[in-house]
Amino acid sequence: MKLHLNRPLVVFDLETTGLNVATDRIIQISWIKVMPSGEERPGGSYVNPGCPIPQEVQNLTGITDEMVASAPSFKELAPKLIEEFTGCDFAGFNSNKFDVPLLIEEMLRAGCDTSLFDKAHYIDVQNIFHKKERRNLDAAYRFYVNPEGFSNAHSSDADTRATWEVLQAQLERYDDLRPNVGDLETFSRMNNFVDMAGTFVYDAEHRVCFNFGKHKGKPVEEVLSLEPNYYAWMMNGDFPAAAKKILTKIKLNLMKR
């Protein structure tokens, strides 16, 4: 294994009811916990989302309502995930934009402490691939690992294994990729998001700014000072819980001044 690890790396993938971080739910989670010794510890579970799985998602993933009916809810599964993931860094394919934010959202909805994510590093294998070759996971697998591709695409088990194999192959191929989590996180980062979903971004002065709507690009503190009702509008809207947490922290800091 070329990758140098100081602590475990969780390579993971989610299958979900849709692509909205704020409102959709996890129906399957799979991971490979790679230890600093190189040992690989796979794990995973179906998850009962508490709602019907859209037919198009069932067609795409092969995961049906019947398959998750007896699975644990995310709230029931969360303690195991926290125990498994605490003290780890994370890697995935398009994970910085989707999988990590949605995982954090599910944790927040379950009332869990999400501080383990604040201390982690994140490697997005898709971003490394796009910077180097610019394709999707199947093309990445064909390019780096096996020209015949891999089976069971859109199964989180298969996608997780493919992502881990692609990351290892990237490290073998590119001498300028430093084989440690911190440098890979820096290389694979493609944005200046404050929250993983990108509701807020940092500007050149490292101020937290809105990244959507009529106030896009404006500092949050400035907007809340001039338009305090905007806070209530966001808190009542379909925004990620992680974004609302950041917004509330900024508002409380303003109130202390």
C-alpha atoms as a PDB file:
ATOM      1  CA  MET A   1       0.000   0.000   0.000  1.00  0.00           C
ATOM      2  CA  LYS A   2       1.545   3.294  -1.137  1.00  0.00           C
ATOM      3  CA  LEU A   3      -0.738   5.508   0.962  1.00  0.00           C
ATOM      4  CA  HIS A   4       0.788   6.591   4.277  1.00  0.00           C
ATOM      5  CA  LEU A   5      -1.800   6.651   7.050  1.00  0.00           C
ATOM      6  CA  ASN A   6      -1.432   8.056  10.545  1.00  0.00           C
ATOM      7  CA  ARG A   7      -4.961   6.994  11.438  1.00  0.00           C
ATOM      8  CA  PRO A   8      -7.686   4.886   9.790  1.00  0.00           C
ATOM      9  CA  LEU A   9      -9.153   5.966   6.451  1.00  0.00           C
ATOM     10  CA  VAL A  10     -12.839   5.191   5.844  1.00  0.00           C
ATOM     11  CA  VAL A  11     -13.510   4.741   2.123  1.00  0.00           C
ATOM     12  CA  PHE A  12     -17.294   4.825   1.827  1.00  0.00           C
ATOM     13  CA  ASP A  13     -20.274   5.173  -0.478  1.00  0.00           C
ATOM     14  CA  LEU A  14     -23.984   5.841  -0.010  1.00  0.00           C
ATOM     15  CA  GLU A  15     -27.078   4.865  -1.933  1.00  0.00           C
ATOM     16  CA  THR A  16     -29.929   7.288  -1.258  1.00  0.00           C
ATOM     17  CA  THR A  17     -33.537   8.110  -2.078  1.00  0.00           C
ATOM     18  CA  GLY A  18     -32.377  11.075  -4.176  1.00  0.00           C
ATOM     19  CA  LEU A  19     -29.805  13.827  -4.582  1.00  0.00           C
ATOM     20  CA  ASN A  20     -31.128  16.510  -2.219  1.00  0.00           C
ATOM     21  CA  VAL A  21     -28.778  16.693   0.771  1.00  0.00           C
ATOM     22  CA  ALA A  22     -31.376  18.453   2.914  1.00  0.00           C
ATOM     23  CA  THR A  23     -34.335  16.128   2.317  1.00  0.00           C
ATOM     24  CA  ASP A  24     -33.255  12.753   0.935  1.00  0.00           C
ATOM     25  CA  ARG A  25     -32.330   9.699   3.000  1.00  0.00           C
ATOM     26  CA  ILE A  26     -29.709   6.957   3.022  1.00  0.00           C
ATOM     27  CA  ILE A  27     -30.848   3.471   1.961  1.00  0.00           C
ATOM     28  CA  GLN A  28     -27.436   1.768   1.983  1.00  0.00           C
ATOM     29  CA  ILE A  29     -24.018   2.608   3.376  1.00  0.00           C
ATOM     30  CA  SER A  30     -20.848   0.640   2.690  1.00  0.00           C
ATOM     31  CA  TRP A  31     -17.280   1.253   3.784  1.00  0.00           C
ATOM     32  CA  ILE A  32     -13.784  -0.133   3.883  1.00  0.00           C
ATOM     33  CA  LYS A  33     -11.890   0.957   6.981  1.00  0.00           C
ATOM     34  CA  VAL A  34      -8.243   0.969   5.961  1.00  0.00           C
ATOM     35  CA  MET A  35      -5.944   0.771   8.971  1.00  0.00           C
ATOM     36  CA  PRO A  36      -2.463   2.352   9.116  1.00  0.00           C
ATOM     37  CA  SER A  37      -1.083  -1.189   8.957  1.00  0.00           C
ATOM     38  CA  GLY A  38      -2.799  -1.705   5.597  1.00  0.00           C
ATOM     39  CA  GLU A  39      -5.458  -4.031   7.003  1.00  0.00           C
ATOM     40  CA  GLU A  40      -8.865  -3.540   5.352  1.00  0.00           C
ATOM     41  CA  ARG A  41     -12.024  -3.865   7.444  1.00  0.00           C
ATOM     42  CA  PRO A  42     -15.177  -3.807   5.271  1.00  0.00           C
ATOM     43  CA  GLY A  43     -18.577  -2.981   6.677  1.00  0.00           C
ATOM     44  CA  GLY A  44     -21.995  -1.766   5.680  1.00  0.00           C
ATOM     45  CA  SER A  45     -25.732  -1.992   6.048  1.00  0.00           C
ATOM     46  CA  TYR A  46     -28.996  -1.360   4.316  1.00  0.00           C
ATOM     47  CA  VAL A  47     -30.919   1.470   5.978  1.00  0.00           C
ATOM     48  CA  ASN A  48     -34.685   1.843   6.305  1.00  0.00           C
ATOM     49  CA  PRO A  49     -35.300   5.449   5.176  1.00  0.00           C
ATOM     50  CA  GLY A  50     -38.760   5.629   6.737  1.00  0.00           C
ATOM     51  CA  CYS A  51     -40.296   6.508   3.369  1.00  0.00           C
ATOM     52  CA  PRO A  52     -40.885   4.791   0.002  1.00  0.00           C
ATOM     53  CA  ILE A  53     -37.874   4.531  -2.299  1.00  0.00           C
ATOM     54  CA  PRO A  54     -38.693   6.248  -5.620  1.00  0.00           C
ATOM     55  CA  GLN A  55     -39.142   3.784  -8.468  1.00  0.00           C
ATOM     56  CA  GLU A  56     -36.360   5.359 -10.514  1.00  0.00           C
ATOM     57  CA  VAL A  57     -33.970   4.855  -7.588  1.00  0.00           C
ATOM     58  CA  GLN A  58     -35.076   1.234  -7.230  1.00  0.00           C
ATOM     59  CA  ASN A  59     -34.430   0.720 -10.942  1.00  0.00           C
ATOM     60  CA  LEU A  60     -31.002   2.357 -10.730  1.00  0.00           C
ATOM     61  CA  THR A  61     -29.708   0.711  -7.548  1.00  0.00           C
ATOM     62  CA  GLY A  62     -31.664  -2.530  -7.400  1.00  0.00           C
ATOM     63  CA  ILE A  63     -32.588  -1.687  -3.807  1.00  0.00           C
ATOM     64  CA  THR A  64     -36.314  -2.127  -3.169  1.00  0.00           C
ATOM     65  CA  ASP A  65     -38.643  -1.179  -0.337  1.00  0.00           C
ATOM     66  CA  GLU A  66     -38.809  -4.852   0.618  1.00  0.00           C
ATOM     67  CA  MET A  67     -35.012  -5.056   0.937  1.00  0.00           C
ATOM     68  CA  VAL A  68     -34.870  -2.237   3.498  1.00  0.00           C
ATOM     69  CA  ALA A  69     -38.105  -3.032   5.345  1.00  0.00           C
ATOM     70  CA  SER A  70     -36.351  -4.957   8.128  1.00  0.00           C
ATOM     71  CA  ALA A  71     -33.149  -2.882   8.044  1.00  0.00           C
ATOM     72  CA  PRO A  72     -32.321  -0.492  10.909  1.00  0.00           C
ATOM     73  CA  SER A  73     -33.288   3.145  10.658  1.00  0.00           C
ATOM     74  CA  PHE A  74     -30.394   5.569  10.442  1.00  0.00           C
ATOM     75  CA  LYS A  75     -31.026   6.632  14.031  1.00  0.00           C
ATOM     76  CA  GLU A  76     -30.677   3.000  15.128  1.00  0.00           C
ATOM     77  CA  LEU A  77     -27.523   2.550  13.040  1.00  0.00           C
ATOM     78  CA  ALA A  78     -25.886   5.862  14.024  1.00  0.00           C
ATOM     79  CA  PRO A  79     -24.224   4.719  17.310  1.00  0.00           C
ATOM     80  CA  LYS A  80     -22.410   1.938  15.436  1.00  0.00           C
ATOM     81  CA  LEU A  81     -21.280   4.378  12.746  1.00  0.00           C
ATOM     82  CA  ILE A  82     -20.012   6.879  15.307  1.00  0.00           C
ATOM     83  CA  GLU A  83     -18.059   4.151  17.065  1.00  0.00           C
ATOM     84  CA  GLU A  84     -16.648   2.911  13.756  1.00  0.00           C
ATOM     85  CA  PHE A  85     -15.794   6.330  12.275  1.00  0.00           C
ATOM     86  CA  THR A  86     -14.533   8.343  15.258  1.00  0.00           C
ATOM     87  CA  GLY A  87     -10.844   9.146  14.848  1.00  0.00           C
ATOM     88  CA  CYS A  88     -10.893   8.409  11.118  1.00  0.00           C
ATOM     89  CA  ASP A  89     -10.409  10.323   7.897  1.00  0.00           C
ATOM     90  CA  PHE A  90     -12.727   9.812   4.917  1.00  0.00           C
ATOM     91  CA  ALA A  91     -12.494   9.114   1.201  1.00  0.00           C
ATOM     92  CA  GLY A  92     -15.121   8.631  -1.477  1.00  0.00           C
ATOM     93  CA  PHE A  93     -16.114   9.396  -5.057  1.00  0.00           C
ATOM     94  CA  ASN A  94     -17.888  12.777  -5.223  1.00  0.00           C
ATOM     95  CA  SER A  95     -18.010  12.451  -1.445  1.00  0.00           C
ATOM     96  CA  ASN A  96     -17.123  16.037  -0.525  1.00  0.00           C
ATOM     97  CA  LYS A  97     -20.099  17.350  -2.481  1.00  0.00           C
ATOM     98  CA  PHE A  98     -22.665  14.673  -1.668  1.00  0.00           C
ATOM     99  CA  ASP A  99     -21.885  11.650   0.515  1.00  0.00           C
ATOM    100  CA  VAL A 100     -20.227  13.460   3.432  1.00  0.00           C
ATOM    101  CA  PRO A 101     -22.822  16.289   3.612  1.00  0.00           C
ATOM    102  CA  LEU A 102     -25.695  13.806   3.483  1.00  0.00           C
ATOM    103  CA  LEU A 103     -24.080  11.574   6.116  1.00  0.00           C
ATOM    104  CA  ILE A 104     -23.693  14.604   8.391  1.00  0.00           C
ATOM    105  CA  GLU A 105     -27.326  15.587   7.742  1.00  0.00           C
ATOM    106  CA  GLU A 106     -28.518  12.130   8.764  1.00  0.00           C
ATOM    107  CA  MET A 107     -26.385  12.328  11.909  1.00  0.00           C
ATOM    108  CA  LEU A 108     -27.857  15.714  12.803  1.00  0.00           C
ATOM    109  CA  ARG A 109     -31.407  14.486  12.180  1.00  0.00           C
ATOM    110  CA  ALA A 110     -30.679  11.575  14.514  1.00  0.00           C
ATOM    111  CA  GLY A 111     -29.558  14.008  17.226  1.00  0.00           C
ATOM    112  CA  CYS A 112     -25.930  12.835  17.124  1.00  0.00           C
ATOM    113  CA  ASP A 113     -22.768  14.724  17.961  1.00  0.00           C
ATOM    114  CA  THR A 114     -21.062  15.389  14.613  1.00  0.00           C
ATOM    115  CA  SER A 115     -17.775  16.722  15.977  1.00  0.00           C
ATOM    116  CA  LEU A 116     -15.945  13.667  14.625  1.00  0.00           C
ATOM    117  CA  PHE A 117     -16.379  15.194  11.150  1.00  0.00           C
ATOM    118  CA  ASP A 118     -14.834  18.504  12.245  1.00  0.00           C
ATOM    119  CA  LYS A 119     -11.539  16.777  13.010  1.00  0.00           C
ATOM    120  CA  ALA A 120     -11.354  14.639   9.870  1.00  0.00           C
ATOM    121  CA  HIS A 121      -9.555  14.996   6.551  1.00  0.00           C
ATOM    122  CA  TYR A 122     -11.475  14.312   3.346  1.00  0.00           C
ATOM    123  CA  ILE A 123     -10.166  12.855   0.093  1.00  0.00           C
ATOM    124  CA  ASP A 124     -12.481  13.123  -2.898  1.00  0.00           C
ATOM    125  CA  VAL A 125     -11.263  10.568  -5.432  1.00  0.00           C
ATOM    126  CA  GLN A 126     -13.511  12.068  -8.110  1.00  0.00           C
ATOM    127  CA  ASN A 127     -11.811  15.438  -7.776  1.00  0.00           C
ATOM    128  CA  ILE A 128      -8.375  13.852  -8.136  1.00  0.00           C
ATOM    129  CA  PHE A 129      -9.662  11.981 -11.184  1.00  0.00           C
ATOM    130  CA  HIS A 130     -11.249  15.079 -12.737  1.00  0.00           C
ATOM    131  CA  LYS A 131      -8.108  17.104 -12.215  1.00  0.00           C
ATOM    132  CA  LYS A 132      -6.038  14.349 -13.803  1.00  0.00           C
ATOM    133  CA  GLU A 133      -8.350  12.688 -16.348  1.00  0.00           C
ATOM    134  CA  ARG A 134     -11.894  14.158 -16.057  1.00  0.00           C
ATOM    135  CA  ARG A 135     -14.248  11.140 -16.223  1.00  0.00           C
ATOM    136  CA  ASN A 136     -16.759   9.225 -14.017  1.00  0.00           C
ATOM    137  CA  LEU A 137     -16.174   6.298 -11.618  1.00  0.00           C
ATOM    138  CA  ASP A 138     -16.645   3.575 -14.225  1.00  0.00           C
ATOM    139  CA  ALA A 139     -14.221   5.328 -16.608  1.00  0.00           C
ATOM    140  CA  ALA A 140     -11.809   5.856 -13.723  1.00  0.00           C
ATOM    141  CA  TYR A 141     -11.945   2.143 -12.915  1.00  0.00           C
ATOM    142  CA  ARG A 142     -11.404   1.199 -16.564  1.00  0.00           C
ATOM    143  CA  PHE A 143      -8.516   3.651 -16.869  1.00  0.00           C
ATOM    144  CA  TYR A 144      -6.705   2.864 -13.612  1.00  0.00           C
ATOM    145  CA  VAL A 145      -7.654  -0.696 -12.684  1.00  0.00           C
ATOM    146  CA  ASN A 146      -9.356  -2.888 -15.298  1.00  0.00           C
ATOM    147  CA  PRO A 147     -10.287  -1.934 -18.889  1.00  0.00           C
ATOM    148  CA  GLU A 148     -13.280  -4.272 -18.676  1.00  0.00           C
ATOM    149  CA  GLY A 149     -14.804  -2.135 -15.911  1.00  0.00           C
ATOM    150  CA  PHE A 150     -16.521  -3.432 -12.802  1.00  0.00           C
ATOM    151  CA  SER A 151     -19.883  -5.086 -12.260  1.00  0.00           C
ATOM    152  CA  ASN A 152     -22.777  -3.996 -10.050  1.00  0.00           C
ATOM    153  CA  ALA A 153     -22.320  -0.264 -10.593  1.00  0.00           C
ATOM    154  CA  HIS A 154     -24.689   1.691  -8.323  1.00  0.00           C
ATOM    155  CA  SER A 155     -24.301  -0.913  -5.607  1.00  0.00           C
ATOM    156  CA  SER A 156     -22.575   0.867  -2.744  1.00  0.00           C
ATOM    157  CA  ASP A 157     -20.535  -2.286  -2.022  1.00  0.00           C
ATOM    158  CA  ALA A 158     -19.134  -2.343  -5.562  1.00  0.00           C
ATOM    159  CA  ASP A 159     -18.696   1.433  -5.734  1.00  0.00           C
ATOM    160  CA  THR A 160     -16.844   1.482  -2.409  1.00  0.00           C
ATOM    161  CA  ARG A 161     -14.434  -1.255  -3.504  1.00  0.00           C
ATOM    162  CA  ALA A 162     -13.930   0.420  -6.910  1.00  0.00           C
ATOM    163  CA  THR A 163     -13.238   3.788  -5.259  1.00  0.00           C
ATOM    164  CA  TRP A 164     -10.596   2.292  -2.950  1.00  0.00           C
ATOM    165  CA  GLU A 165      -8.918   0.460  -5.841  1.00  0.00           C
ATOM    166  CA  VAL A 166      -8.927   3.632  -7.973  1.00  0.00           C
ATOM    167  CA  LEU A 167      -7.346   5.691  -5.168  1.00  0.00           C
ATOM    168  CA  GLN A 168      -4.568   3.136  -4.755  1.00  0.00           C
ATOM    169  CA  ALA A 169      -3.988   3.069  -8.520  1.00  0.00           C
ATOM    170  CA  GLN A 170      -3.872   6.894  -8.653  1.00  0.00           C
ATOM    171  CA  LEU A 171      -1.124   6.886  -6.032  1.00  0.00           C
ATOM    172  CA  GLU A 172       0.825   4.349  -8.072  1.00  0.00           C
ATOM    173  CA  ARG A 173       0.414   6.300 -11.316  1.00  0.00           C
ATOM    174  CA  TYR A 174       1.094   9.895 -10.245  1.00  0.00           C
ATOM    175  CA  ASP A 175       4.438  10.562  -8.591  1.00  0.00           C
ATOM    176  CA  ASP A 176       3.388  14.130  -7.696  1.00  0.00           C
ATOM    177  CA  LEU A 177       0.511  12.898  -5.494  1.00  0.00           C
ATOM    178  CA  ARG A 178       1.870  12.826  -1.966  1.00  0.00           C
ATOM    179  CA  PRO A 179       0.717   9.629  -0.255  1.00  0.00           C
ATOM    180  CA  ASN A 180      -0.726  11.126   2.924  1.00  0.00           C
ATOM    181  CA  VAL A 181      -4.257  12.113   3.794  1.00  0.00           C
ATOM    182  CA  GLY A 182      -3.605  15.820   4.408  1.00  0.00           C
ATOM    183  CA  ASP A 183      -1.982  16.445   1.012  1.00  0.00           C
ATOM    184  CA  LEU A 184      -4.574  14.333  -0.803  1.00  0.00           C
ATOM    185  CA  GLU A 185      -7.345  16.300   0.884  1.00  0.00           C
ATOM    186  CA  THR A 186      -5.765  19.555  -0.318  1.00  0.00           C
ATOM    187  CA  PHE A 187      -5.306  18.254  -3.864  1.00  0.00           C
ATOM    188  CA  SER A 188      -8.819  16.819  -4.133  1.00  0.00           C
ATOM    189  CA  ARG A 189     -10.529  19.938  -2.783  1.00  0.00           C
ATOM    190  CA  MET A 190     -12.109  21.955  -5.611  1.00  0.00           C
ATOM    191  CA  ASN A 191     -13.991  24.677  -3.766  1.00  0.00           C
ATOM    192  CA  ASN A 192     -13.964  27.135  -0.883  1.00  0.00           C
ATOM    193  CA  PHE A 193     -17.111  25.799   0.774  1.00  0.00           C
ATOM    194  CA  VAL A 194     -17.733  26.515   4.455  1.00  0.00           C
ATOM    195  CA  ASP A 195     -20.250  23.674   4.786  1.00  0.00           C
ATOM    196  CA  MET A 196     -19.816  20.510   2.764  1.00  0.00           C
ATOM    197  CA  ALA A 197     -22.969  21.156   0.718  1.00  0.00           C
ATOM    198  CA  GLY A 198     -21.755  24.612  -0.348  1.00  0.00           C
ATOM    199  CA  THR A 199     -24.538  26.765   1.090  1.00  0.00           C
ATOM    200  CA  PHE A 200     -21.839  29.161   2.301  1.00  0.00           C
ATOM    201  CA  VAL A 201     -18.388  29.943   0.910  1.00  0.00           C
ATOM    202  CA  TYR A 202     -15.350  31.858   2.107  1.00  0.00           C
ATOM    203  CA  ASP A 203     -14.417  35.015   0.207  1.00  0.00           C
ATOM    204  CA  ALA A 204     -10.884  36.357  -0.336  1.00  0.00           C
ATOM    205  CA  GLU A 205     -10.962  37.884   3.152  1.00  0.00           C
ATOM    206  CA  HIS A 206     -12.085  34.558   4.647  1.00  0.00           C
ATOM    207  CA  ARG A 207     -15.521  35.931   5.473  1.00  0.00           C
ATOM    208  CA  VAL A 208     -18.477  33.524   5.358  1.00  0.00           C
ATOM    209  CA  CYS A 209     -20.689  34.474   2.403  1.00  0.00           C
ATOM    210  CA  PHE A 210     -23.931  33.199   0.900  1.00  0.00           C
ATOM    211  CA  ASN A 211     -23.490  30.956  -2.135  1.00  0.00           C
ATOM    212  CA  PHE A 212     -27.056  31.114  -3.464  1.00  0.00           C
ATOM    213  CA  GLY A 213     -29.973  33.418  -4.150  1.00  0.00           C
ATOM    214  CA  LYS A 214     -30.220  37.186  -4.082  1.00  0.00           C
ATOM    215  CA  HIS A 215     -27.432  37.550  -1.528  1.00  0.00           C
ATOM    216  CA  LYS A 216     -24.941  35.280  -3.299  1.00  0.00           C
ATOM    217  CA  GLY A 217     -21.410  36.519  -2.630  1.00  0.00           C
ATOM    218  CA  LYS A 218     -22.451  38.791   0.244  1.00  0.00           C
ATOM    219  CA  PRO A 219     -21.069  38.263   3.780  1.00  0.00           C
ATOM    220  CA  VAL A 220     -23.588  36.535   6.021  1.00  0.00           C
ATOM    221  CA  GLU A 221     -22.929  38.925   8.921  1.00  0.00           C
ATOM    222  CA  GLU A 222     -23.645  41.909   6.689  1.00  0.00           C
ATOM    223  CA  VAL A 223     -26.922  40.448   5.384  1.00  0.00           C
ATOM    224  CA  LEU A 224     -28.183  39.422   8.834  1.00  0.00           C
ATOM    225  CA  SER A 225     -27.399  42.889  10.167  1.00  0.00           C
ATOM    226  CA  LEU A 226     -29.359  44.626   7.401  1.00  0.00           C
ATOM    227  CA  GLU A 227     -32.064  41.995   6.882  1.00  0.00           C
ATOM    228  CA  PRO A 228     -32.547  40.053  10.156  1.00  0.00           C
ATOM    229  CA  ASN A 229     -35.686  38.275   8.858  1.00  0.00           C
ATOM    230  CA  TYR A 230     -33.498  36.402   6.383  1.00  0.00           C
ATOM    231  CA  TYR A 231     -32.349  34.211   9.267  1.00  0.00           C
ATOM    232  CA  ALA A 232     -35.902  33.038  10.012  1.00  0.00           C
ATOM    233  CA  TRP A 233     -36.570  32.462   6.315  1.00  0.00           C
ATOM    234  CA  MET A 234     -33.560  30.151   6.037  1.00  0.00           C
ATOM    235  CA  MET A 235     -34.276  28.336   9.279  1.00  0.00           C
ATOM    236  CA  ASN A 236     -37.797  27.530   8.044  1.00  0.00           C
ATOM    237  CA  GLY A 237     -36.600  26.494   4.576  1.00  0.00           C
ATOM    238  CA  ASP A 238     -35.296  23.228   3.130  1.00  0.00           C
ATOM    239  CA  PHE A 239     -31.645  23.978   3.811  1.00  0.00           C
ATOM    240  CA  PRO A 240     -29.181  21.421   5.222  1.00  0.00           C
ATOM    241  CA  ALA A 241     -29.113  21.227   9.009  1.00  0.00           C
ATOM    242  CA  ALA A 242     -25.351  21.743   8.898  1.00  0.00           C
ATOM    243  CA  ALA A 243     -25.865  25.057   7.079  1.00  0.00           C
ATOM    244  CA  LYS A 244     -28.496  26.146   9.595  1.00  0.00           C
ATOM    245  CA  LYS A 245     -26.052  25.325  12.391  1.00  0.00           C
ATOM    246  CA  ILE A 246     -23.435  27.626  10.819  1.00  0.00           C
ATOM    247  CA  LEU A 247     -26.027  30.354  10.274  1.00  0.00           C
ATOM    248  CA  THR A 248     -27.142  30.174  13.905  1.00  0.00           C
ATOM    249  CA  LYS A 249     -23.556  30.384  15.145  1.00  0.00           C
ATOM    250  CA  ILE A 250     -22.997  33.548  13.086  1.00  0.00           C
ATOM    251  CA  LYS A 251     -26.249  35.088  14.347  1.00  0.00           C
ATOM    252  CA  LEU A 252     -25.356  34.329  17.988  1.00  0.00           C
ATOM    253  CA  ASN A 253     -21.937  35.918  17.507  1.00  0.00           C
ATOM    254  CA  LEU A 254     -23.632  39.040  16.125  1.00  0.00           C
ATOM    255  CA  MET A 255     -25.956  39.197  19.134  1.00  0.00           C
ATOM    256  CA  LYS A 256     -22.987  39.145  21.512  1.00  0.00           C
ATOM    257  CA  ARG A 257     -21.525  42.305  20.005  1.00  0.00           C
END
